[in-house]
Protein backbone atom coordinates (compact mmCIF):
# COMPACT_ATOMS: atom_id res chain seq x y z
CA MET A 1 6.81 13.89 -4.12
CA ALA A 2 10.58 14.49 -4.25
CA THR A 3 12.12 14.98 -7.85
CA ALA A 4 15.16 13.08 -9.25
CA ALA A 5 17.35 15.45 -7.90
CA GLU A 6 15.88 15.28 -4.55
CA PRO A 7 15.88 12.49 -1.94
CA HIS A 8 12.75 10.83 -1.13
CA ARG A 9 11.17 11.97 2.50
CA VAL A 10 10.27 9.37 4.67
CA LEU A 11 8.23 9.66 7.92
CA VAL A 12 9.12 7.14 10.57
CA VAL A 13 6.36 6.82 13.12
CA ASP A 14 7.38 4.62 16.40
CA ASP A 15 7.01 5.35 19.98
CA ASP A 16 10.45 4.08 20.81
CA PRO A 17 12.77 6.59 20.49
CA THR A 18 15.79 4.25 20.23
CA VAL A 19 13.81 2.42 17.30
CA ALA A 20 13.06 5.55 15.61
CA SER A 21 16.55 6.99 15.84
CA LEU A 22 18.28 3.71 14.45
CA LEU A 23 15.65 4.03 11.41
CA ARG A 24 16.21 7.46 10.87
CA ARG A 25 19.98 7.46 10.95
CA GLY A 26 19.96 4.25 8.73
CA LEU A 27 17.59 5.80 6.02
CA THR A 28 19.57 8.95 5.97
CA TYR A 29 22.66 6.66 5.26
CA ALA A 30 20.89 4.96 2.53
CA GLY A 31 20.20 8.16 0.91
CA PHE A 32 16.67 9.07 2.41
CA THR A 33 15.68 12.36 4.01
CA ALA A 34 14.21 10.92 7.23
CA SER A 35 12.17 12.55 9.99
CA VAL A 36 10.36 10.95 13.10
CA ALA A 37 7.00 11.14 14.97
CA HIS A 38 6.69 9.33 18.39
CA SER A 39 2.98 9.19 18.55
CA GLY A 40 -0.11 8.81 16.08
CA PRO A 41 -1.32 12.37 16.49
CA GLU A 42 2.03 13.50 15.97
CA ALA A 43 2.37 11.52 12.92
CA LEU A 44 -1.03 13.04 11.54
CA GLN A 45 0.05 16.30 12.25
CA ALA A 46 3.40 15.78 10.70
CA VAL A 47 1.79 14.47 7.21
CA HIS A 48 -0.59 17.33 7.42
CA ASP A 49 2.29 20.06 7.62
CA HIS A 50 4.76 18.58 5.34
CA ARG A 51 3.59 15.55 3.45
CA PRO A 52 6.31 12.68 2.95
CA ASP A 53 6.74 10.42 0.07
CA ILE A 54 6.43 7.36 2.28
CA VAL A 55 5.49 6.55 5.62
CA ILE A 56 7.03 3.80 7.91
CA LEU A 57 4.57 3.03 10.57
CA ASP A 58 4.98 0.80 13.64
CA VAL A 59 1.56 -1.08 14.86
CA MET A 60 2.11 -1.18 18.62
CA MET A 61 1.66 2.52 19.88
CA PRO A 62 -0.07 3.73 22.95
CA ASP A 63 -3.24 5.76 22.67
CA MET A 64 -3.60 5.73 18.94
CA ASP A 65 -2.27 2.41 17.18
CA GLY A 66 -0.55 2.49 14.04
CA VAL A 67 -3.88 0.63 12.31
CA GLU A 68 -5.79 3.73 13.41
CA VAL A 69 -3.09 6.13 12.37
CA CYS A 70 -3.08 4.43 9.03
CA ARG A 71 -6.84 4.31 8.59
CA ARG A 72 -6.83 8.14 9.29
CA LEU A 73 -4.11 8.76 6.92
CA ARG A 74 -6.01 6.88 4.25
CA SER A 75 -9.18 9.13 4.66
CA THR A 76 -7.21 12.36 4.09
CA VAL A 77 -4.43 11.38 1.94
CA PRO A 78 -5.61 8.05 -0.02
CA ASP A 79 -2.24 7.76 -2.30
CA LEU A 80 0.25 8.07 0.34
CA PRO A 81 2.42 4.96 0.46
CA ILE A 82 2.50 3.20 3.83
CA ILE A 83 4.40 0.43 5.05
CA MET A 84 3.57 -1.03 8.48
CA LEU A 85 6.04 -2.77 10.89
CA THR A 86 4.30 -5.66 12.73
CA ALA A 87 5.32 -8.01 15.49
CA ARG A 88 6.98 -11.49 14.22
CA ASP A 89 4.43 -14.12 13.16
CA SER A 90 1.66 -11.60 14.14
CA THR A 91 -0.85 -12.48 11.39
CA ASP A 92 -3.82 -10.48 12.79
CA ASP A 93 -1.60 -7.64 12.79
CA GLU A 94 -0.82 -8.06 9.12
CA ILE A 95 -4.17 -8.43 7.87
CA ALA A 96 -5.49 -5.48 10.21
CA GLY A 97 -3.06 -3.01 8.81
CA LEU A 98 -3.80 -4.24 5.14
CA GLU A 99 -7.61 -3.78 5.90
CA ALA A 100 -6.62 -0.36 7.16
CA GLY A 101 -5.17 0.65 3.80
CA ALA A 102 -1.29 -0.24 4.24
CA ASP A 103 0.51 -0.82 1.38
CA ASP A 104 3.03 -3.29 2.51
CA TYR A 105 4.20 -4.84 5.77
CA VAL A 106 7.55 -5.76 7.27
CA ARG A 107 7.83 -8.24 10.20
CA LYS A 108 9.89 -7.46 13.17
CA PRO A 109 12.85 -8.44 13.65
CA PHE A 110 13.85 -7.43 10.06
CA SER A 111 17.30 -6.51 8.10
CA PHE A 112 17.61 -2.83 7.24
CA GLU A 113 18.38 -4.10 3.37
CA VAL A 114 14.84 -5.89 3.63
CA LEU A 115 13.26 -2.59 4.84
CA THR A 116 15.04 -0.31 2.22
CA ALA A 117 14.20 -2.76 -0.68
CA ARG A 118 10.49 -2.36 0.24
CA LEU A 119 10.76 1.29 0.45
CA GLN A 120 12.26 1.56 -3.12
CA ALA A 121 10.06 -1.14 -4.74
CA LEU A 122 6.87 0.72 -3.25
CA LEU A 123 8.12 4.06 -4.35
CA ARG A 124 8.98 2.59 -7.95
CA ARG A 125 5.44 1.50 -7.99
CA HIS A 126 3.97 4.91 -7.01
CA GLY A 127 5.79 6.48 -9.25
CA ALA A 128 5.02 4.36 -12.44
CA ASP A 129 3.58 6.02 -15.40
CA ASP A 130 2.07 4.47 -18.21
CA THR A 131 -1.17 4.92 -20.47
CA ASN A 132 -4.85 4.48 -19.53
CA LEU A 133 -6.46 1.35 -18.89
CA GLN A 134 -10.33 0.61 -19.48
CA TYR A 135 -12.66 -2.38 -19.05
CA GLY A 136 -16.14 -1.71 -19.55
CA ASP A 137 -17.18 1.24 -17.34
CA LEU A 138 -14.03 0.89 -15.23
CA THR A 139 -11.20 3.59 -16.18
CA LEU A 140 -7.83 3.66 -14.80
CA ASP A 141 -5.96 6.91 -15.24
CA VAL A 142 -2.79 5.67 -14.75
CA PRO A 143 -0.36 8.70 -14.90
CA GLY A 144 -2.49 10.20 -12.38
CA ARG A 145 -3.28 6.83 -10.65
CA LEU A 146 -7.12 7.53 -10.69
CA ALA A 147 -10.02 5.24 -11.04
CA TYR A 148 -13.24 5.60 -12.12
CA ARG A 149 -16.63 3.38 -12.46
CA GLY A 150 -18.51 5.56 -14.96
CA GLU A 151 -18.13 8.99 -13.62
CA ARG A 152 -17.67 7.93 -10.02
CA ARG A 153 -14.20 8.59 -8.76
CA ILE A 154 -12.64 5.86 -6.68
CA ASP A 155 -10.24 6.57 -4.34
CA LEU A 156 -7.43 3.56 -4.16
CA THR A 157 -4.43 2.92 -2.47
CA THR A 158 -0.97 2.40 -4.01
CA THR A 159 -1.30 -1.20 -3.77
CA GLU A 160 -4.91 -1.38 -4.45
CA PHE A 161 -4.21 0.66 -7.83
CA ASP A 162 -1.51 -1.73 -8.67
CA VAL A 163 -3.27 -4.98 -8.34
CA LEU A 164 -6.52 -3.47 -10.12
CA SER A 165 -4.22 -2.30 -13.08
CA LEU A 166 -2.94 -5.93 -13.40
CA LEU A 167 -6.07 -7.46 -13.43
CA VAL A 168 -7.29 -4.97 -16.08
CA GLU A 169 -4.33 -5.46 -18.37
CA HIS A 170 -5.12 -9.28 -18.21
CA ALA A 171 -9.19 -8.79 -18.46
CA GLY A 172 -10.65 -12.13 -19.21
CA HIS A 173 -7.46 -14.18 -18.35
CA VAL A 174 -7.12 -16.21 -15.12
CA ILE A 175 -4.25 -14.65 -12.56
CA SER A 176 -3.38 -16.54 -9.77
CA LYS A 177 -2.59 -15.10 -6.18
CA GLU A 178 1.26 -16.17 -6.80
CA GLN A 179 1.27 -14.30 -9.98
CA ILE A 180 -0.24 -11.02 -8.25
CA LEU A 181 2.28 -11.16 -5.48
CA GLU A 182 5.25 -11.48 -7.91
CA HIS A 183 3.89 -8.67 -10.21
CA VAL A 184 3.04 -6.29 -7.49
CA TRP A 185 5.30 -6.73 -4.51
CA GLY A 186 8.27 -8.15 -6.66
CA TYR A 187 9.50 -10.76 -3.85
CA ASP A 188 8.69 -13.98 -2.05
CA PHE A 189 5.88 -13.89 0.76
CA GLY A 190 6.60 -17.34 1.42
CA GLY A 191 3.68 -18.63 0.27
CA ASN A 192 1.32 -15.99 2.26
CA THR A 193 -1.48 -15.14 0.00
CA ASN A 194 -3.58 -13.80 2.31
CA ILE A 195 -2.39 -10.25 1.54
CA VAL A 196 -3.83 -10.67 -2.01
CA GLU A 197 -7.38 -11.86 -0.44
CA VAL A 198 -7.47 -8.76 1.74
CA TYR A 199 -6.58 -6.43 -1.20
CA VAL A 200 -9.19 -8.33 -3.84
CA ARG A 201 -11.87 -7.76 -0.90
CA ALA A 202 -11.00 -4.18 -0.26
CA LEU A 203 -11.22 -3.60 -4.13
CA ARG A 204 -14.67 -5.20 -4.49
CA VAL A 205 -15.99 -3.14 -1.55
CA LYS A 206 -14.61 0.21 -3.57
CA LEU A 207 -15.77 -0.87 -7.24
CA GLU A 208 -19.25 -1.90 -6.06
CA ALA A 209 -20.05 0.95 -3.88
CA ALA A 210 -22.59 2.45 -5.61
CA GLY A 211 -24.33 -0.96 -6.48
CA GLU A 212 -22.27 -1.47 -9.62
CA PRO A 213 -22.04 -5.46 -10.79
CA ARG A 214 -18.96 -7.38 -9.92
CA LEU A 215 -16.14 -7.18 -11.98
CA ILE A 216 -13.44 -8.90 -10.09
CA GLN A 217 -14.64 -12.90 -10.15
CA THR A 218 -12.81 -15.73 -8.02
CA VAL A 219 -11.89 -18.99 -9.88
CA ARG A 220 -11.64 -21.37 -7.32
CA GLY A 221 -8.23 -22.91 -6.88
CA ALA A 222 -6.86 -20.91 -9.66
CA GLY A 223 -7.25 -16.97 -9.09
CA TYR A 224 -9.25 -14.13 -10.04
CA VAL A 225 -10.29 -12.71 -13.43
CA LEU A 226 -11.55 -9.50 -14.30
CA ARG A 227 -14.74 -10.04 -16.37
CA ASP A 228 -18.52 -9.43 -16.07
CA ALA A 229 -20.49 -12.13 -14.33
């Protein structure tokens, strides 16, 4: 992770040399240190050799697409922030990317200002510091961004951790999907709350992986609440 005196390192993964070059130049101009990988295997090797602070990952690539790259990165570097670039109006791409572990997505075509704003927001969330949070047998080590169910450690992505932290902070109170979007992502999704459903589903799988009782409850028409059933 970059220090306060160092620019954040961004890895751009796109098989289109023109797009990759434009992104690298724009990110460098915006104050980042940017490098490029033109394929899935090249991206995996780049992360292994010199871990970046954040990855911008295109979905549509030959041989190994962005969803598979994201899935493999998540298995080796669970807390690496990942933004996926998806085809315009391709909801299937967005859902697939989020389920693979992406923290955010940006639809093509996009403005560079939007992309850099998303990068900064995700990096701020990833670097946030606070005290530990607890609910029942669930413990969140906020400074270390680690989660535990009893003694069992649970590996969470940056955004999964942020969603769960919000629910723990407000345990017993119903939080709407719109409130989660605003608090975690900090910008308007145009009413698309599918992203919240994807993350809640992923969190339930991880929190209940050893047969533990459900903690994240659905309140139909209202949102979600952290409480015992």
